[in-house]
PDB file of N, CA and C in Angstrom:
ATOM      1  N   PHE A   1      73.568 103.613 160.767  1.00  0.00           N
ATOM      2  CA  PHE A   1      74.825 102.911 160.676  1.00  0.00           C
ATOM      3  C   PHE A   1      75.234 102.735 159.218  1.00  0.00           C
ATOM      4  N   VAL A   2      74.278 102.352 158.389  1.00  0.00           N
ATOM      5  CA  VAL A   2      74.555 102.180 156.959  1.00  0.00           C
ATOM      6  C   VAL A   2      74.962 103.508 156.340  1.00  0.00           C
ATOM      7  N   ASN A   3      74.309 104.589 156.743  1.00  0.00           N
ATOM      8  CA  ASN A   3      74.646 105.915 156.232  1.00  0.00           C
ATOM      9  C   ASN A   3      76.077 106.301 156.620  1.00  0.00           C
ATOM     10  N   LEU A   4      76.502 105.966 157.826  1.00  0.00           N
ATOM     11  CA  LEU A   4      77.868 106.263 158.257  1.00  0.00           C
ATOM     12  C   LEU A   4      78.898 105.518 157.412  1.00  0.00           C
ATOM     13  N   MET A   5      78.505 104.390 156.850  1.00  0.00           N
ATOM     14  CA  MET A   5      79.399 103.599 156.005  1.00  0.00           C
ATOM     15  C   MET A   5      79.222 103.944 154.527  1.00  0.00           C
ATOM     16  N   GLU A   6      78.606 105.106 154.263  1.00  0.00           N
ATOM     17  CA  GLU A   6      78.379 105.585 152.901  1.00  0.00           C
ATOM     18  C   GLU A   6      77.599 104.568 152.068  1.00  0.00           C
ATOM     19  N   GLY A   7      76.588 103.964 152.676  1.00  0.00           N
ATOM     20  CA  GLY A   7      75.828 102.933 151.985  1.00  0.00           C
ATOM     21  C   GLY A   7      74.373 103.282 151.819  1.00  0.00           C
ATOM     22  N   HIS A   8      73.618 102.305 151.383  1.00  0.00           N
ATOM     23  CA  HIS A   8      72.182 102.444 151.152  1.00  0.00           C
ATOM     24  C   HIS A   8      71.486 101.229 151.753  1.00  0.00           C
ATOM     25  N   ILE A   9      70.241 101.425 152.200  1.00  0.00           N
ATOM     26  CA  ILE A   9      69.448 100.328 152.732  1.00  0.00           C
ATOM     27  C   ILE A   9      68.011 100.503 152.268  1.00  0.00           C
ATOM     28  N   TRP A  10      67.344  99.402 151.919  1.00  0.00           N
ATOM     29  CA  TRP A  10      65.951  99.482 151.522  1.00  0.00           C
ATOM     30  C   TRP A  10      65.279  98.130 151.762  1.00  0.00           C
ATOM     31  N   LEU A  11      63.950  98.139 151.731  1.00  0.00           N
ATOM     32  CA  LEU A  11      63.151  96.931 151.907  1.00  0.00           C
ATOM     33  C   LEU A  11      62.378  96.642 150.637  1.00  0.00           C
ATOM     34  N   GLU A  12      62.222  95.376 150.328  1.00  0.00           N
ATOM     35  CA  GLU A  12      61.404  94.954 149.198  1.00  0.00           C
ATOM     36  C   GLU A  12      60.431  93.895 149.686  1.00  0.00           C
ATOM     37  N   SER A  13      59.206  93.912 149.148  1.00  0.00           N
ATOM     38  CA  SER A  13      58.193  92.939 149.521  1.00  0.00           C
ATOM     39  C   SER A  13      57.373  92.576 148.294  1.00  0.00           C
ATOM     40  N   GLU A  14      56.953  91.314 148.244  1.00  0.00           N
ATOM     41  CA  GLU A  14      56.105  90.865 147.137  1.00  0.00           C
ATOM     42  C   GLU A  14      54.637  90.889 147.518  1.00  0.00           C
ATOM     43  N   GLY A  15      54.292  91.498 148.633  1.00  0.00           N
ATOM     44  CA  GLY A  15      52.891  91.625 149.026  1.00  0.00           C
ATOM     45  C   GLY A  15      52.625  91.097 150.420  1.00  0.00           C
ATOM     46  N   LEU A  16      51.447  91.377 150.909  1.00  0.00           N
ATOM     47  CA  LEU A  16      51.024  90.997 152.246  1.00  0.00           C
ATOM     48  C   LEU A  16      51.114  89.483 152.438  1.00  0.00           C
ATOM     49  N   GLY A  17      51.772  89.085 153.502  1.00  0.00           N
ATOM     50  CA  GLY A  17      51.918  87.667 153.805  1.00  0.00           C
ATOM     51  C   GLY A  17      52.974  86.941 152.999  1.00  0.00           C
ATOM     52  N   ARG A  18      53.719  87.642 152.161  1.00  0.00           N
ATOM     53  CA  ARG A  18      54.726  87.014 151.294  1.00  0.00           C
ATOM     54  C   ARG A  18      56.139  87.219 151.814  1.00  0.00           C
ATOM     55  N   GLY A  19      56.288  87.974 152.914  1.00  0.00           N
ATOM     56  CA  GLY A  19      57.618  88.220 153.466  1.00  0.00           C
ATOM     57  C   GLY A  19      58.264  89.446 152.858  1.00  0.00           C
ATOM     58  N   SER A  20      59.356  89.853 153.426  1.00  0.00           N
ATOM     59  CA  SER A  20      60.094  91.033 152.971  1.00  0.00           C
ATOM     60  C   SER A  20      61.577  90.728 152.957  1.00  0.00           C
ATOM     61  N   THR A  21      62.302  91.498 152.186  1.00  0.00           N
ATOM     62  CA  THR A  21      63.749  91.371 152.113  1.00  0.00           C
ATOM     63  C   THR A  21      64.368  92.717 152.435  1.00  0.00           C
ATOM     64  N   ALA A  22      65.281  92.738 153.402  1.00  0.00           N
ATOM     65  CA  ALA A  22      66.039  93.948 153.723  1.00  0.00           C
ATOM     66  C   ALA A  22      67.365  93.859 152.978  1.00  0.00           C
ATOM     67  N   ILE A  23      67.673  94.880 152.197  1.00  0.00           N
ATOM     68  CA  ILE A  23      68.886  94.899 151.381  1.00  0.00           C
ATOM     69  C   ILE A  23      69.727  96.090 151.799  1.00  0.00           C
ATOM     70  N   PHE A  24      71.028  95.880 151.948  1.00  0.00           N
ATOM     71  CA  PHE A  24      71.909  97.005 152.231  1.00  0.00           C
ATOM     72  C   PHE A  24      73.212  96.842 151.473  1.00  0.00           C
ATOM     73  N   ILE A  25      73.766  97.970 151.101  1.00  0.00           N
ATOM     74  CA  ILE A  25      75.043  98.021 150.402  1.00  0.00           C
ATOM     75  C   ILE A  25      75.926  98.984 151.176  1.00  0.00           C
ATOM     76  N   VAL A  26      77.121  98.547 151.560  1.00  0.00           N
ATOM     77  CA  VAL A  26      78.065  99.403 152.276  1.00  0.00           C
ATOM     78  C   VAL A  26      79.449  99.239 151.663  1.00  0.00           C
ATOM     79  N   LYS A  27      80.271 100.255 151.861  1.00  0.00           N
ATOM     80  CA  LYS A  27      81.655 100.188 151.413  1.00  0.00           C
ATOM     81  C   LYS A  27      82.475  99.538 152.516  1.00  0.00           C
ATOM     82  N   LEU A  28      83.235  98.519 152.159  1.00  0.00           N
ATOM     83  CA  LEU A  28      84.089  97.832 153.114  1.00  0.00           C
ATOM     84  C   LEU A  28      85.539  98.030 152.724  1.00  0.00           C
ATOM     85  N   GLY A  29      86.400  98.134 153.710  1.00  0.00           N
ATOM     86  CA  GLY A  29      87.821  98.305 153.440  1.00  0.00           C
ATOM     87  C   GLY A  29      88.485  96.992 153.075  1.00  0.00           C
ATOM     88  N   ILE A  30      89.636  97.102 152.463  1.00  0.00           N
ATOM     89  CA  ILE A  30      90.447  95.944 152.116  1.00  0.00           C
ATOM     90  C   ILE A  30      91.701  96.016 152.972  1.00  0.00           C
ATOM     91  N   PRO A  31      92.063  94.930 153.666  1.00  0.00           N
ATOM     92  CA  PRO A  31      93.259  94.961 154.510  1.00  0.00           C
ATOM     93  C   PRO A  31      94.492  95.350 153.710  1.00  0.00           C
ATOM     94  N   GLY A  32      95.367  96.129 154.323  1.00  0.00           N
ATOM     95  CA  GLY A  32      96.576  96.584 153.654  1.00  0.00           C
ATOM     96  C   GLY A  32      97.656  95.532 153.579  1.00  0.00           C
ATOM     97  N   ARG A  33      97.638  94.573 154.504  1.00  0.00           N
ATOM     98  CA  ARG A  33      98.664  93.529 154.525  1.00  0.00           C
ATOM     99  C   ARG A  33      97.994  92.178 154.345  1.00  0.00           C
ATOM    100  N   SER A  34      98.640  91.299 153.609  1.00  0.00           N
ATOM    101  CA  SER A  34      98.041  89.998 153.319  1.00  0.00           C
ATOM    102  C   SER A  34      97.837  89.164 154.572  1.00  0.00           C
ATOM    103  N   ASP A  35      98.662  89.390 155.614  1.00  0.00           N
ATOM    104  CA  ASP A  35      98.489  88.589 156.825  1.00  0.00           C
ATOM    105  C   ASP A  35      97.252  89.008 157.611  1.00  0.00           C
ATOM    106  N   GLU A  36      96.630  90.134 157.239  1.00  0.00           N
ATOM    107  CA  GLU A  36      95.394  90.546 157.888  1.00  0.00           C
ATOM    108  C   GLU A  36      94.201  89.793 157.318  1.00  0.00           C
ATOM    109  N   CYS A  37      94.353  89.240 156.123  1.00  0.00           N
ATOM    110  CA  CYS A  37      93.268  88.457 155.534  1.00  0.00           C
ATOM    111  C   CYS A  37      93.165  87.135 156.274  1.00  0.00           C
ATOM    112  N   LYS A  38      91.971  86.693 156.493  1.00  0.00           N
ATOM    113  CA  LYS A  38      91.779  85.441 157.210  1.00  0.00           C
ATOM    114  C   LYS A  38      91.529  84.320 156.211  1.00  0.00           C
ATOM    115  N   LEU A  39      92.499  84.088 155.336  1.00  0.00           N
ATOM    116  CA  LEU A  39      92.344  83.035 154.344  1.00  0.00           C
ATOM    117  C   LEU A  39      92.257  81.671 155.000  1.00  0.00           C
ATOM    118  N   SER A  40      92.853  81.532 156.186  1.00  0.00           N
ATOM    119  CA  SER A  40      92.793  80.255 156.881  1.00  0.00           C
ATOM    120  C   SER A  40      91.384  79.954 157.376  1.00  0.00           C
ATOM    121  N   ALA A  41      90.494  80.953 157.367  1.00  0.00           N
ATOM    122  CA  ALA A  41      89.120  80.743 157.820  1.00  0.00           C
ATOM    123  C   ALA A  41      88.320  79.927 156.815  1.00  0.00           C
ATOM    124  N   VAL A  42      88.843  79.765 155.608  1.00  0.00           N
ATOM    125  CA  VAL A  42      88.147  78.979 154.589  1.00  0.00           C
ATOM    126  C   VAL A  42      88.889  77.661 154.441  1.00  0.00           C
ATOM    127  N   HIS A  43      88.178  76.576 154.629  1.00  0.00           N
ATOM    128  CA  HIS A  43      88.796  75.271 154.480  1.00  0.00           C
ATOM    129  C   HIS A  43      87.893  74.374 153.647  1.00  0.00           C
ATOM    130  N   LYS A  44      88.464  73.290 153.186  1.00  0.00           N
ATOM    131  CA  LYS A  44      87.713  72.388 152.318  1.00  0.00           C
ATOM    132  C   LYS A  44      86.905  71.413 153.164  1.00  0.00           C
ATOM    133  N   GLY A  45      85.661  71.211 152.755  1.00  0.00           N
ATOM    134  CA  GLY A  45      84.791  70.251 153.421  1.00  0.00           C
ATOM    135  C   GLY A  45      84.716  68.973 152.607  1.00  0.00           C
ATOM    136  N   PRO A  46      83.782  68.096 152.952  1.00  0.00           N
ATOM    137  CA  PRO A  46      83.616  66.853 152.181  1.00  0.00           C
ATOM    138  C   PRO A  46      83.330  67.152 150.709  1.00  0.00           C
ATOM    139  N   GLY A  47      83.823  66.324 149.840  1.00  0.00           N
ATOM    140  CA  GLY A  47      83.594  66.512 148.410  1.00  0.00           C
ATOM    141  C   GLY A  47      84.417  67.642 147.829  1.00  0.00           C
ATOM    142  N   ASN A  48      85.464  68.067 148.539  1.00  0.00           N
ATOM    143  CA  ASN A  48      86.370  69.120 148.067  1.00  0.00           C
ATOM    144  C   ASN A  48      85.661  70.457 147.870  1.00  0.00           C
ATOM    145  N   GLN A  49      84.572  70.696 148.601  1.00  0.00           N
ATOM    146  CA  GLN A  49      83.842  71.956 148.518  1.00  0.00           C
ATOM    147  C   GLN A  49      84.401  72.934 149.543  1.00  0.00           C
ATOM    148  N   VAL A  50      84.420  74.211 149.181  1.00  0.00           N
ATOM    149  CA  VAL A  50      84.868  75.239 150.117  1.00  0.00           C
ATOM    150  C   VAL A  50      83.824  75.378 151.209  1.00  0.00           C
ATOM    151  N   LYS A  51      84.269  75.342 152.452  1.00  0.00           N
ATOM    152  CA  LYS A  51      83.369  75.447 153.596  1.00  0.00           C
ATOM    153  C   LYS A  51      83.842  76.626 154.450  1.00  0.00           C
ATOM    154  N   PRO A  52      83.183  77.794 154.333  1.00  0.00           N
ATOM    155  CA  PRO A  52      83.620  78.962 155.095  1.00  0.00           C
ATOM    156  C   PRO A  52      83.380  78.777 156.586  1.00  0.00           C
ATOM    157  N   ASN A  53      84.244  79.381 157.387  1.00  0.00           N
ATOM    158  CA  ASN A  53      84.118  79.350 158.838  1.00  0.00           C
ATOM    159  C   ASN A  53      83.551  80.688 159.288  1.00  0.00           C
ATOM    160  N   PHE A  54      82.316  80.698 159.773  1.00  0.00           N
ATOM    161  CA  PHE A  54      81.663  81.927 160.193  1.00  0.00           C
ATOM    162  C   PHE A  54      81.677  82.102 161.704  1.00  0.00           C
ATOM    163  N   SER A  55      82.482  81.320 162.424  1.00  0.00           N
ATOM    164  CA  SER A  55      82.514  81.462 163.878  1.00  0.00           C
ATOM    165  C   SER A  55      83.023  82.852 164.248  1.00  0.00           C
ATOM    166  N   GLY A  56      82.414  83.441 165.256  1.00  0.00           N
ATOM    167  CA  GLY A  56      82.805  84.772 165.708  1.00  0.00           C
ATOM    168  C   GLY A  56      82.058  85.901 165.031  1.00  0.00           C
ATOM    169  N   LEU A  57      81.324  85.618 163.953  1.00  0.00           N
ATOM    170  CA  LEU A  57      80.558  86.655 163.274  1.00  0.00           C
ATOM    171  C   LEU A  57      79.235  86.879 163.991  1.00  0.00           C
ATOM    172  N   LYS A  58      78.726  88.097 163.918  1.00  0.00           N
ATOM    173  CA  LYS A  58      77.431  88.422 164.503  1.00  0.00           C
ATOM    174  C   LYS A  58      76.455  88.709 163.377  1.00  0.00           C
ATOM    175  N   VAL A  59      75.248  88.164 163.477  1.00  0.00           N
ATOM    176  CA  VAL A  59      74.234  88.294 162.436  1.00  0.00           C
ATOM    177  C   VAL A  59      72.951  88.824 163.060  1.00  0.00           C
ATOM    178  N   VAL A  60      72.289  89.738 162.366  1.00  0.00           N
ATOM    179  CA  VAL A  60      70.997  90.249 162.805  1.00  0.00           C
ATOM    180  C   VAL A  60      69.921  89.590 161.952  1.00  0.00           C
ATOM    181  N   VAL A  61      68.935  88.988 162.597  1.00  0.00           N
ATOM    182  CA  VAL A  61      67.814  88.364 161.903  1.00  0.00           C
ATOM    183  C   VAL A  61      66.541  89.041 162.377  1.00  0.00           C
ATOM    184  N   MET A  62      65.702  89.476 161.423  1.00  0.00           N
ATOM    185  CA  MET A  62      64.453  90.149 161.773  1.00  0.00           C
ATOM    186  C   MET A  62      63.283  89.285 161.331  1.00  0.00           C
ATOM    187  N   ASP A  63      62.275  89.196 162.195  1.00  0.00           N
ATOM    188  CA  ASP A  63      61.058  88.469 161.861  1.00  0.00           C
ATOM    189  C   ASP A  63      59.916  89.080 162.644  1.00  0.00           C
ATOM    190  N   GLU A  64      58.794  89.330 161.964  1.00  0.00           N
ATOM    191  CA  GLU A  64      57.666  89.959 162.649  1.00  0.00           C
ATOM    192  C   GLU A  64      56.856  88.955 163.449  1.00  0.00           C
ATOM    193  N   ASN A  65      57.075  87.665 163.236  1.00  0.00           N
ATOM    194  CA  ASN A  65      56.351  86.633 163.976  1.00  0.00           C
ATOM    195  C   ASN A  65      57.009  86.396 165.327  1.00  0.00           C
ATOM    196  N   SER A  66      56.194  86.270 166.373  1.00  0.00           N
ATOM    197  CA  SER A  66      56.762  86.001 167.696  1.00  0.00           C
ATOM    198  C   SER A  66      57.271  84.571 167.741  1.00  0.00           C
ATOM    199  N   VAL A  67      58.297  84.371 168.525  1.00  0.00           N
ATOM    200  CA  VAL A  67      58.926  83.044 168.619  1.00  0.00           C
ATOM    201  C   VAL A  67      58.407  82.332 169.836  1.00  0.00           C
TER     202      VAL A  67
END
């Protein structure tokens, strides 16, 4: 999938029992019209901090330990 997006993927580890990091870089498009941007998805939270809205996004989490 990463290759189809003209990207790269690799793993890094600091040693046995220290965990690993999966890193990927892909090219993403930029919407052609400003109304396609979901600027309304970012709103201010307490303390005037930006609080992004990640609802609707799908995330893959990998762990070798059984749950």
